[in-house]
Amino acid sequence: MLSLRTITKVAHAAGLEPPGFAGAHKVASGSMSEEQSEPYTATEQDPRQKAIDALIGNNNAAAPWVLKSPALELIGYLPGDVLIVDLNRLPVARDIVCAQHYHWSEARADTIFRVFEPPYLITATHQHDLRRPLLVDNERVIIKGVVIFSLRTSP
């Protein structure tokens, strides 16, 4: 059985979207669109690569993502951090989660990272355009996994 990480690498090498996250890494912000996250792509130059491999280990449901949004900046998660998401872990209150926010009328979905405060997803940021809570209704907003580790390179 292939891990999600392996499938994601193969999908990226083929120029395709990884399964389970189709169409999406963008979120509306007024009239602009801004990437919130993207799947992590391994490079030999990235000093985090060995740590990512060690943290994921044999967990076939773990996948690394790069946070590109300040949505969690006030609790220490910054743009550029690599967040390792366990797709099999069930979220509990105050977990940092990876979610899909579907915009059915626009035929798109956004992959976002938020704090789970049941039944809502909230941010921890000063940016007003990101602060609206999202109701987890398992139709328009679906939690995909829980962040189990984060990594950052020093500046």
Foldseek 3Di string as FASTA:
>chain_A
DAALAVQCQVQVVVVHHRPPQPFEQWDDQPPDIDGQKAFDDDDPPDPCVVVVCVVCPPQSQKTWMFGQDCQAVQVPRDGGKIFIWRQPDDDDAQFWFWKWADDVVVRHIHTHIAGCHPQWGAGDDPDPSRGDIDGPPVPRMDTRTTGDDIDDDDD
